[in-house]
Structures are given as C-alpha cells and as structure tokens.
Amino acid sequence: ATVAGKSAVWGHWAQSVDFSETQHWFDLLLGPGAPRVKARILWEKVDYVFVDGDLKRDVDAGRLAWLKGEARLLYSNRDAAVYARPARRAPPPGPGPA
C-alpha cells in the first residue's frame, strides 16, 4: 500500500512483491541477536511501525524492548500502537568545499 509516497514494507503476504526476502528481513528483527543491530536494520528501511495482535503483546511484554527503546510512541490503545523512527542525527560537519 502506498500513502503519500510511502510504501508498506510488510503488509499482506499476497501484496508483497519480494515476500521471501521480506520474510527473511523480518525474521532477523524478531529472532535472536543484538538489539542495536536489529534497530539499525529496521530503521534503515522503515519510518513507522504499526503493531497489533501477537506483535503488540510481545512489545508490551518487553520481548522487543529494543523497539520501544529506539522508537517514539505516536499512538497506542489496547489493540494497536504506532511507533516512529527516532530522529536521524545530522552528519558531523566536514571540511568545506575545496
């Protein structure tokens, strides 16, 4: 789905052109591994995360603490939540033009 130029990275499986690749990417995020690496993988590709169902229960139970620690909560109710990517830091100033 596309809204205002944004695409869904993970939506209904039948609407995913690269389902296998996206499934592997998603498994990296939810499987074992270093939280900082997971956060970097996620935020390279995603601006917003909508969680509901089992994923929301995992976030609420602290099993995905790295997501809550990195993201900014925009909206939440008992059924769903929306998180935003943390603000990107500006690169350090480099030398001026030669």
PDB file of N, CA and C in Angstrom:
ATOM      1  N   ALA A   1       0.847  -1.181   0.000  1.00  0.00           N
ATOM      2  CA  ALA A   1       0.000   0.000   0.000  1.00  0.00           C
ATOM      3  C   ALA A   1       0.881   1.230   0.000  1.00  0.00           C
ATOM      4  N   THR A   2       0.465   2.238  -0.709  1.00  0.00           N
ATOM      5  CA  THR A   2       1.230   3.472  -0.757  1.00  0.00           C
ATOM      6  C   THR A   2       0.339   4.630  -0.349  1.00  0.00           C
ATOM      7  N   VAL A   3       0.811   5.414   0.590  1.00  0.00           N
ATOM      8  CA  VAL A   3       0.099   6.600   1.036  1.00  0.00           C
ATOM      9  C   VAL A   3       1.093   7.746   1.018  1.00  0.00           C
ATOM     10  N   ALA A   4       0.805   8.768   0.268  1.00  0.00           N
ATOM     11  CA  ALA A   4       1.675   9.948   0.200  1.00  0.00           C
ATOM     12  C   ALA A   4       3.120   9.569  -0.100  1.00  0.00           C
ATOM     13  N   GLY A   5       3.304   8.657  -1.023  1.00  0.00           N
ATOM     14  CA  GLY A   5       4.648   8.287  -1.440  1.00  0.00           C
ATOM     15  C   GLY A   5       5.343   7.284  -0.550  1.00  0.00           C
ATOM     16  N   LYS A   6       4.689   6.766   0.485  1.00  0.00           N
ATOM     17  CA  LYS A   6       5.288   5.783   1.380  1.00  0.00           C
ATOM     18  C   LYS A   6       4.753   4.398   1.049  1.00  0.00           C
ATOM     19  N   SER A   7       5.604   3.406   1.100  1.00  0.00           N
ATOM     20  CA  SER A   7       5.195   2.027   0.812  1.00  0.00           C
ATOM     21  C   SER A   7       5.223   1.199   2.077  1.00  0.00           C
ATOM     22  N   ALA A   8       4.361   0.215   2.141  1.00  0.00           N
ATOM     23  CA  ALA A   8       4.386  -0.726   3.257  1.00  0.00           C
ATOM     24  C   ALA A   8       5.496  -1.731   3.006  1.00  0.00           C
ATOM     25  N   VAL A   9       6.387  -1.897   3.966  1.00  0.00           N
ATOM     26  CA  VAL A   9       7.451  -2.889   3.848  1.00  0.00           C
ATOM     27  C   VAL A   9       6.880  -4.268   4.109  1.00  0.00           C
ATOM     28  N   TRP A  10       5.992  -4.353   5.076  1.00  0.00           N
ATOM     29  CA  TRP A  10       5.405  -5.642   5.405  1.00  0.00           C
ATOM     30  C   TRP A  10       3.900  -5.438   5.519  1.00  0.00           C
ATOM     31  N   GLY A  11       3.171  -6.064   4.654  1.00  0.00           N
ATOM     32  CA  GLY A  11       1.714  -5.988   4.671  1.00  0.00           C
ATOM     33  C   GLY A  11       1.185  -7.384   4.427  1.00  0.00           C
ATOM     34  N   HIS A  12       0.081  -7.485   3.776  1.00  0.00           N
ATOM     35  CA  HIS A  12      -0.485  -8.791   3.441  1.00  0.00           C
ATOM     36  C   HIS A  12       0.489  -9.533   2.536  1.00  0.00           C
ATOM     37  N   TRP A  13       0.711 -10.818   2.791  1.00  0.00           N
ATOM     38  CA  TRP A  13       1.719 -11.583   2.050  1.00  0.00           C
ATOM     39  C   TRP A  13       1.460 -11.566   0.546  1.00  0.00           C
ATOM     40  N   ALA A  14       0.215 -11.532   0.127  1.00  0.00           N
ATOM     41  CA  ALA A  14      -0.091 -11.562  -1.303  1.00  0.00           C
ATOM     42  C   ALA A  14       0.211 -10.230  -1.988  1.00  0.00           C
ATOM     43  N   GLN A  15       0.439  -9.190  -1.210  1.00  0.00           N
ATOM     44  CA  GLN A  15       0.755  -7.885  -1.779  1.00  0.00           C
ATOM     45  C   GLN A  15       2.240  -7.567  -1.688  1.00  0.00           C
ATOM     46  N   SER A  16       3.039  -8.519  -1.290  1.00  0.00           N
ATOM     47  CA  SER A  16       4.484  -8.319  -1.163  1.00  0.00           C
ATOM     48  C   SER A  16       5.179  -8.892  -2.381  1.00  0.00           C
ATOM     49  N   VAL A  17       5.795  -8.028  -3.153  1.00  0.00           N
ATOM     50  CA  VAL A  17       6.491  -8.466  -4.364  1.00  0.00           C
ATOM     51  C   VAL A  17       7.660  -9.373  -4.018  1.00  0.00           C
ATOM     52  N   ASP A  18       8.387  -9.034  -2.992  1.00  0.00           N
ATOM     53  CA  ASP A  18       9.579  -9.795  -2.587  1.00  0.00           C
ATOM     54  C   ASP A  18       9.319 -10.488  -1.251  1.00  0.00           C
ATOM     55  N   PHE A  19       8.274 -11.279  -1.184  1.00  0.00           N
ATOM     56  CA  PHE A  19       7.834 -11.892   0.065  1.00  0.00           C
ATOM     57  C   PHE A  19       8.952 -12.648   0.771  1.00  0.00           C
ATOM     58  N   SER A  20       9.692 -13.498   0.056  1.00  0.00           N
ATOM     59  CA  SER A  20      10.746 -14.308   0.693  1.00  0.00           C
ATOM     60  C   SER A  20      11.832 -13.432   1.300  1.00  0.00           C
ATOM     61  N   GLU A  21      12.251 -12.416   0.569  1.00  0.00           N
ATOM     62  CA  GLU A  21      13.288 -11.514   1.064  1.00  0.00           C
ATOM     63  C   GLU A  21      12.790 -10.738   2.285  1.00  0.00           C
ATOM     64  N   THR A  22      11.554 -10.267   2.224  1.00  0.00           N
ATOM     65  CA  THR A  22      10.995  -9.520   3.338  1.00  0.00           C
ATOM     66  C   THR A  22      10.799 -10.422   4.555  1.00  0.00           C
ATOM     67  N   GLN A  23      10.395 -11.667   4.344  1.00  0.00           N
ATOM     68  CA  GLN A  23      10.231 -12.613   5.444  1.00  0.00           C
ATOM     69  C   GLN A  23      11.572 -12.833   6.146  1.00  0.00           C
ATOM     70  N   HIS A  24      12.650 -12.982   5.378  1.00  0.00           N
ATOM     71  CA  HIS A  24      13.988 -13.160   5.957  1.00  0.00           C
ATOM     72  C   HIS A  24      14.375 -11.917   6.773  1.00  0.00           C
ATOM     73  N   TRP A  25      14.127 -10.747   6.222  1.00  0.00           N
ATOM     74  CA  TRP A  25      14.447  -9.485   6.901  1.00  0.00           C
ATOM     75  C   TRP A  25      13.667  -9.388   8.216  1.00  0.00           C
ATOM     76  N   PHE A  26      12.386  -9.739   8.171  1.00  0.00           N
ATOM     77  CA  PHE A  26      11.533  -9.682   9.361  1.00  0.00           C
ATOM     78  C   PHE A  26      12.007 -10.693  10.404  1.00  0.00           C
ATOM     79  N   ASP A  27      12.411 -11.893   9.965  1.00  0.00           N
ATOM     80  CA  ASP A  27      12.928 -12.906  10.892  1.00  0.00           C
ATOM     81  C   ASP A  27      14.181 -12.419  11.605  1.00  0.00           C
ATOM     82  N   LEU A  28      15.028 -11.649  10.908  1.00  0.00           N
ATOM     83  CA  LEU A  28      16.216 -11.076  11.553  1.00  0.00           C
ATOM     84  C   LEU A  28      15.815 -10.148  12.700  1.00  0.00           C
ATOM     85  N   LEU A  29      14.756  -9.396  12.509  1.00  0.00           N
ATOM     86  CA  LEU A  29      14.320  -8.460  13.537  1.00  0.00           C
ATOM     87  C   LEU A  29      13.735  -9.149  14.752  1.00  0.00           C
ATOM     88  N   LEU A  30      13.021 -10.258  14.540  1.00  0.00           N
ATOM     89  CA  LEU A  30      12.327 -10.906  15.641  1.00  0.00           C
ATOM     90  C   LEU A  30      13.101 -12.076  16.245  1.00  0.00           C
ATOM     91  N   GLY A  31      14.151 -12.513  15.576  1.00  0.00           N
ATOM     92  CA  GLY A  31      14.939 -13.632  16.076  1.00  0.00           C
ATOM     93  C   GLY A  31      15.992 -13.169  17.062  1.00  0.00           C
ATOM     94  N   PRO A  32      16.850 -14.107  17.495  1.00  0.00           N
ATOM     95  CA  PRO A  32      17.911 -13.735  18.430  1.00  0.00           C
ATOM     96  C   PRO A  32      18.925 -12.814  17.757  1.00  0.00           C
ATOM     97  N   GLY A  33      19.551 -11.992  18.557  1.00  0.00           N
ATOM     98  CA  GLY A  33      20.565 -11.101  18.014  1.00  0.00           C
ATOM     99  C   GLY A  33      20.692  -9.845  18.853  1.00  0.00           C
ATOM    100  N   ALA A  34      21.686  -9.058  18.526  1.00  0.00           N
ATOM    101  CA  ALA A  34      21.977  -7.842  19.273  1.00  0.00           C
ATOM    102  C   ALA A  34      20.918  -6.777  19.000  1.00  0.00           C
ATOM    103  N   PRO A  35      20.332  -6.207  20.045  1.00  0.00           N
ATOM    104  CA  PRO A  35      19.290  -5.197  19.865  1.00  0.00           C
ATOM    105  C   PRO A  35      19.721  -4.011  19.006  1.00  0.00           C
ATOM    106  N   ARG A  36      20.951  -3.529  19.160  1.00  0.00           N
ATOM    107  CA  ARG A  36      21.402  -2.364  18.371  1.00  0.00           C
ATOM    108  C   ARG A  36      21.463  -2.706  16.888  1.00  0.00           C
ATOM    109  N   VAL A  37      21.866  -3.926  16.563  1.00  0.00           N
ATOM    110  CA  VAL A  37      21.918  -4.355  15.162  1.00  0.00           C
ATOM    111  C   VAL A  37      20.507  -4.418  14.603  1.00  0.00           C
ATOM    112  N   LYS A  38      19.572  -4.966  15.377  1.00  0.00           N
ATOM    113  CA  LYS A  38      18.182  -5.045  14.935  1.00  0.00           C
ATOM    114  C   LYS A  38      17.619  -3.654  14.677  1.00  0.00           C
ATOM    115  N   ALA A  39      17.861  -2.740  15.579  1.00  0.00           N
ATOM    116  CA  ALA A  39      17.358  -1.383  15.421  1.00  0.00           C
ATOM    117  C   ALA A  39      17.925  -0.753  14.152  1.00  0.00           C
ATOM    118  N   ARG A  40      19.203  -0.945  13.898  1.00  0.00           N
ATOM    119  CA  ARG A  40      19.819  -0.377  12.692  1.00  0.00           C
ATOM    120  C   ARG A  40      19.188  -0.968  11.439  1.00  0.00           C
ATOM    121  N   ILE A  41      18.966  -2.287  11.441  1.00  0.00           N
ATOM    122  CA  ILE A  41      18.346  -2.952  10.292  1.00  0.00           C
ATOM    123  C   ILE A  41      16.950  -2.389  10.057  1.00  0.00           C
ATOM    124  N   LEU A  42      16.169  -2.245  11.122  1.00  0.00           N
ATOM    125  CA  LEU A  42      14.804  -1.747  10.987  1.00  0.00           C
ATOM    126  C   LEU A  42      14.772  -0.319  10.474  1.00  0.00           C
ATOM    127  N   TRP A  43      15.488   0.575  11.123  1.00  0.00           N
ATOM    128  CA  TRP A  43      15.350   1.996  10.820  1.00  0.00           C
ATOM    129  C   TRP A  43      16.005   2.402   9.515  1.00  0.00           C
ATOM    130  N   GLU A  44      16.814   1.523   8.899  1.00  0.00           N
ATOM    131  CA  GLU A  44      17.336   1.813   7.560  1.00  0.00           C
ATOM    132  C   GLU A  44      16.220   1.788   6.527  1.00  0.00           C
ATOM    133  N   LYS A  45      15.162   1.033   6.803  1.00  0.00           N
ATOM    134  CA  LYS A  45      14.125   0.777   5.807  1.00  0.00           C
ATOM    135  C   LYS A  45      12.748   1.325   6.202  1.00  0.00           C
ATOM    136  N   VAL A  46      12.551   1.673   7.461  1.00  0.00           N
ATOM    137  CA  VAL A  46      11.218   1.939   7.985  1.00  0.00           C
ATOM    138  C   VAL A  46      11.157   3.296   8.689  1.00  0.00           C
ATOM    139  N   ASP A  47      10.041   4.011   8.482  1.00  0.00           N
ATOM    140  CA  ASP A  47       9.793   5.262   9.202  1.00  0.00           C
ATOM    141  C   ASP A  47       8.808   5.071  10.336  1.00  0.00           C
ATOM    142  N   TYR A  48       7.838   4.188  10.139  1.00  0.00           N
ATOM    143  CA  TYR A  48       6.798   3.947  11.144  1.00  0.00           C
ATOM    144  C   TYR A  48       6.569   2.452  11.297  1.00  0.00           C
ATOM    145  N   VAL A  49       6.246   2.039  12.525  1.00  0.00           N
ATOM    146  CA  VAL A  49       5.921   0.639  12.793  1.00  0.00           C
ATOM    147  C   VAL A  49       4.539   0.594  13.432  1.00  0.00           C
ATOM    148  N   PHE A  50       3.629  -0.144  12.793  1.00  0.00           N
ATOM    149  CA  PHE A  50       2.296  -0.384  13.334  1.00  0.00           C
ATOM    150  C   PHE A  50       2.317  -1.779  13.917  1.00  0.00           C
ATOM    151  N   VAL A  51       1.983  -1.908  15.187  1.00  0.00           N
ATOM    152  CA  VAL A  51       1.956  -3.227  15.822  1.00  0.00           C
ATOM    153  C   VAL A  51       0.568  -3.521  16.351  1.00  0.00           C
ATOM    154  N   ASP A  52       0.143  -4.760  16.149  1.00  0.00           N
ATOM    155  CA  ASP A  52      -1.111  -5.234  16.719  1.00  0.00           C
ATOM    156  C   ASP A  52      -0.988  -6.728  16.954  1.00  0.00           C
ATOM    157  N   GLY A  53      -2.004  -7.322  17.534  1.00  0.00           N
ATOM    158  CA  GLY A  53      -2.028  -8.763  17.738  1.00  0.00           C
ATOM    159  C   GLY A  53      -0.848  -9.274  18.545  1.00  0.00           C
ATOM    160  N   ASP A  54      -0.272 -10.393  18.085  1.00  0.00           N
ATOM    161  CA  ASP A  54       0.842 -11.027  18.803  1.00  0.00           C
ATOM    162  C   ASP A  54       2.046 -10.097  18.921  1.00  0.00           C
ATOM    163  N   LEU A  55       2.310  -9.322  17.880  1.00  0.00           N
ATOM    164  CA  LEU A  55       3.464  -8.421  17.921  1.00  0.00           C
ATOM    165  C   LEU A  55       3.272  -7.356  19.001  1.00  0.00           C
ATOM    166  N   LYS A  56       2.083  -6.820  19.133  1.00  0.00           N
ATOM    167  CA  LYS A  56       1.829  -5.832  20.200  1.00  0.00           C
ATOM    168  C   LYS A  56       1.987  -6.478  21.571  1.00  0.00           C
ATOM    169  N   ARG A  57       1.509  -7.695  21.717  1.00  0.00           N
ATOM    170  CA  ARG A  57       1.676  -8.388  23.002  1.00  0.00           C
ATOM    171  C   ARG A  57       3.162  -8.583  23.314  1.00  0.00           C
ATOM    172  N   ASP A  58       3.972  -8.909  22.309  1.00  0.00           N
ATOM    173  CA  ASP A  58       5.411  -9.060  22.523  1.00  0.00           C
ATOM    174  C   ASP A  58       6.048  -7.740  22.935  1.00  0.00           C
ATOM    175  N   VAL A  59       5.669  -6.657  22.273  1.00  0.00           N
ATOM    176  CA  VAL A  59       6.215  -5.343  22.624  1.00  0.00           C
ATOM    177  C   VAL A  59       5.800  -4.973  24.052  1.00  0.00           C
ATOM    178  N   ASP A  60       4.521  -5.131  24.361  1.00  0.00           N
ATOM    179  CA  ASP A  60       4.018  -4.776  25.699  1.00  0.00           C
ATOM    180  C   ASP A  60       4.658  -5.618  26.797  1.00  0.00           C
ATOM    181  N   ALA A  61       4.998  -6.876  26.485  1.00  0.00           N
ATOM    182  CA  ALA A  61       5.604  -7.770  27.475  1.00  0.00           C
ATOM    183  C   ALA A  61       7.111  -7.556  27.611  1.00  0.00           C
ATOM    184  N   GLY A  62       7.677  -6.660  26.798  1.00  0.00           N
ATOM    185  CA  GLY A  62       9.099  -6.365  26.894  1.00  0.00           C
ATOM    186  C   GLY A  62       9.992  -7.266  26.071  1.00  0.00           C
ATOM    187  N   ARG A  63       9.409  -8.172  25.277  1.00  0.00           N
ATOM    188  CA  ARG A  63      10.244  -9.063  24.457  1.00  0.00           C
ATOM    189  C   ARG A  63      10.895  -8.341  23.285  1.00  0.00           C
ATOM    190  N   LEU A  64      10.389  -7.172  22.946  1.00  0.00           N
ATOM    191  CA  LEU A  64      11.013  -6.354  21.901  1.00  0.00           C
ATOM    192  C   LEU A  64      11.380  -4.997  22.492  1.00  0.00           C
ATOM    193  N   ALA A  65      12.075  -5.051  23.620  1.00  0.00           N
ATOM    194  CA  ALA A  65      12.441  -3.822  24.328  1.00  0.00           C
ATOM    195  C   ALA A  65      13.265  -2.891  23.460  1.00  0.00           C
ATOM    196  N   TRP A  66      14.079  -3.454  22.559  1.00  0.00           N
ATOM    197  CA  TRP A  66      14.900  -2.617  21.684  1.00  0.00           C
ATOM    198  C   TRP A  66      14.022  -1.711  20.814  1.00  0.00           C
ATOM    199  N   LEU A  67      12.843  -2.198  20.414  1.00  0.00           N
ATOM    200  CA  LEU A  67      11.963  -1.363  19.598  1.00  0.00           C
ATOM    201  C   LEU A  67      11.430  -0.194  20.415  1.00  0.00           C
ATOM    202  N   LYS A  68      10.942  -0.478  21.616  1.00  0.00           N
ATOM    203  CA  LYS A  68      10.414   0.584  22.465  1.00  0.00           C
ATOM    204  C   LYS A  68      11.513   1.561  22.875  1.00  0.00           C
ATOM    205  N   GLY A  69      12.729   1.058  23.056  1.00  0.00           N
ATOM    206  CA  GLY A  69      13.828   1.915  23.462  1.00  0.00           C
ATOM    207  C   GLY A  69      14.297   2.854  22.363  1.00  0.00           C
ATOM    208  N   GLU A  70      14.150   2.432  21.122  1.00  0.00           N
ATOM    209  CA  GLU A  70      14.614   3.229  19.990  1.00  0.00           C
ATOM    210  C   GLU A  70      13.540   4.157  19.438  1.00  0.00           C
ATOM    211  N   ALA A  71      12.304   3.693  19.415  1.00  0.00           N
ATOM    212  CA  ALA A  71      11.240   4.397  18.715  1.00  0.00           C
ATOM    213  C   ALA A  71      10.503   5.376  19.614  1.00  0.00           C
ATOM    214  N   ARG A  72       9.783   6.263  18.970  1.00  0.00           N
ATOM    215  CA  ARG A  72       8.934   7.217  19.671  1.00  0.00           C
ATOM    216  C   ARG A  72       7.488   6.753  19.493  1.00  0.00           C
ATOM    217  N   LEU A  73       6.790   6.555  20.588  1.00  0.00           N
ATOM    218  CA  LEU A  73       5.404   6.109  20.543  1.00  0.00           C
ATOM    219  C   LEU A  73       4.522   7.265  20.088  1.00  0.00           C
ATOM    220  N   LEU A  74       3.801   7.057  18.992  1.00  0.00           N
ATOM    221  CA  LEU A  74       2.904   8.085  18.480  1.00  0.00           C
ATOM    222  C   LEU A  74       1.463   7.876  18.928  1.00  0.00           C
ATOM    223  N   TYR A  75       1.060   6.607  19.015  1.00  0.00           N
ATOM    224  CA  TYR A  75      -0.328   6.291  19.352  1.00  0.00           C
ATOM    225  C   TYR A  75      -0.378   4.898  19.945  1.00  0.00           C
ATOM    226  N   SER A  76      -1.267   4.711  20.919  1.00  0.00           N
ATOM    227  CA  SER A  76      -1.449   3.384  21.478  1.00  0.00           C
ATOM    228  C   SER A  76      -2.836   3.266  22.088  1.00  0.00           C
ATOM    229  N   ASN A  77      -3.440   2.103  21.892  1.00  0.00           N
ATOM    230  CA  ASN A  77      -4.629   1.717  22.630  1.00  0.00           C
ATOM    231  C   ASN A  77      -4.448   0.245  22.974  1.00  0.00           C
ATOM    232  N   ARG A  78      -5.471  -0.413  23.483  1.00  0.00           N
ATOM    233  CA  ARG A  78      -5.270  -1.799  23.919  1.00  0.00           C
ATOM    234  C   ARG A  78      -5.040  -2.756  22.763  1.00  0.00           C
ATOM    235  N   ASP A  79      -5.417  -2.364  21.547  1.00  0.00           N
ATOM    236  CA  ASP A  79      -5.321  -3.265  20.399  1.00  0.00           C
ATOM    237  C   ASP A  79      -4.147  -3.002  19.468  1.00  0.00           C
ATOM    238  N   ALA A  80      -3.647  -1.781  19.441  1.00  0.00           N
ATOM    239  CA  ALA A  80      -2.617  -1.436  18.462  1.00  0.00           C
ATOM    240  C   ALA A  80      -1.760  -0.280  18.961  1.00  0.00           C
ATOM    241  N   ALA A  81      -0.602  -0.121  18.328  1.00  0.00           N
ATOM    242  CA  ALA A  81       0.280   1.006  18.628  1.00  0.00           C
ATOM    243  C   ALA A  81       1.032   1.380  17.362  1.00  0.00           C
ATOM    244  N   VAL A  82       1.433   2.644  17.290  1.00  0.00           N
ATOM    245  CA  VAL A  82       2.227   3.135  16.169  1.00  0.00           C
ATOM    246  C   VAL A  82       3.475   3.794  16.741  1.00  0.00           C
ATOM    247  N   TYR A  83       4.620   3.363  16.252  1.00  0.00           N
ATOM    248  CA  TYR A  83       5.913   3.913  16.664  1.00  0.00           C
ATOM    249  C   TYR A  83       6.561   4.608  15.476  1.00  0.00           C
ATOM    250  N   ALA A  84       7.323   5.662  15.755  1.00  0.00           N
ATOM    251  CA  ALA A  84       8.049   6.388  14.711  1.00  0.00           C
ATOM    252  C   ALA A  84       9.545   6.172  14.875  1.00  0.00           C
ATOM    253  N   ARG A  85      10.224   6.177  13.746  1.00  0.00           N
ATOM    254  CA  ARG A  85      11.688   6.079  13.741  1.00  0.00           C
ATOM    255  C   ARG A  85      12.262   7.239  14.551  1.00  0.00           C
ATOM    256  N   PRO A  86      13.331   6.977  15.291  1.00  0.00           N
ATOM    257  CA  PRO A  86      13.971   8.085  16.006  1.00  0.00           C
ATOM    258  C   PRO A  86      14.493   9.114  15.004  1.00  0.00           C
ATOM    259  N   ALA A  87      14.592  10.350  15.430  1.00  0.00           N
ATOM    260  CA  ALA A  87      15.108  11.398  14.546  1.00  0.00           C
ATOM    261  C   ALA A  87      16.519  11.036  14.106  1.00  0.00           C
ATOM    262  N   ARG A  88      16.780  11.252  12.849  1.00  0.00           N
ATOM    263  CA  ARG A  88      18.130  10.974  12.339  1.00  0.00           C
ATOM    264  C   ARG A  88      19.052  12.111  12.719  1.00  0.00           C
ATOM    265  N   ARG A  89      20.214  11.730  13.131  1.00  0.00           N
ATOM    266  CA  ARG A  89      21.192  12.740  13.512  1.00  0.00           C
ATOM    267  C   ARG A  89      21.863  13.282  12.257  1.00  0.00           C
ATOM    268  N   ALA A  90      22.094  14.568  12.268  1.00  0.00           N
ATOM    269  CA  ALA A  90      22.800  15.182  11.140  1.00  0.00           C
ATOM    270  C   ALA A  90      24.245  14.713  11.160  1.00  0.00           C
ATOM    271  N   PRO A  91      24.823  14.478   9.980  1.00  0.00           N
ATOM    272  CA  PRO A  91      26.231  14.063   9.967  1.00  0.00           C
ATOM    273  C   PRO A  91      27.107  15.171  10.528  1.00  0.00           C
ATOM    274  N   PRO A  92      28.234  14.809  11.118  1.00  0.00           N
ATOM    275  CA  PRO A  92      29.113  15.849  11.654  1.00  0.00           C
ATOM    276  C   PRO A  92      29.612  16.748  10.526  1.00  0.00           C
ATOM    277  N   PRO A  93      29.828  18.004  10.819  1.00  0.00           N
ATOM    278  CA  PRO A  93      30.303  18.903   9.751  1.00  0.00           C
ATOM    279  C   PRO A  93      31.668  18.454   9.250  1.00  0.00           C
ATOM    280  N   GLY A  94      31.797  18.463   7.976  1.00  0.00           N
ATOM    281  CA  GLY A  94      33.067  18.076   7.356  1.00  0.00           C
ATOM    282  C   GLY A  94      33.778  19.317   6.840  1.00  0.00           C
ATOM    283  N   PRO A  95      34.885  19.086   6.189  1.00  0.00           N
ATOM    284  CA  PRO A  95      35.603  20.223   5.617  1.00  0.00           C
ATOM    285  C   PRO A  95      34.729  20.873   4.526  1.00  0.00           C
ATOM    286  N   GLY A  96      34.851  22.155   4.392  1.00  0.00           N
ATOM    287  CA  GLY A  96      34.098  22.893   3.372  1.00  0.00           C
ATOM    288  C   GLY A  96      34.577  22.526   1.981  1.00  0.00           C
ATOM    289  N   PRO A  97      33.892  23.055   0.967  1.00  0.00           N
ATOM    290  CA  PRO A  97      34.300  22.759  -0.409  1.00  0.00           C
ATOM    291  C   PRO A  97      35.726  23.226  -0.669  1.00  0.00           C
ATOM    292  N   ALA A  98      36.412  22.464  -1.486  1.00  0.00           N
ATOM    293  CA  ALA A  98      37.816  22.793  -1.781  1.00  0.00           C
ATOM    294  C   ALA A  98      37.916  23.924  -2.750  1.00  0.00           C
TER     295      ALA A  98
END
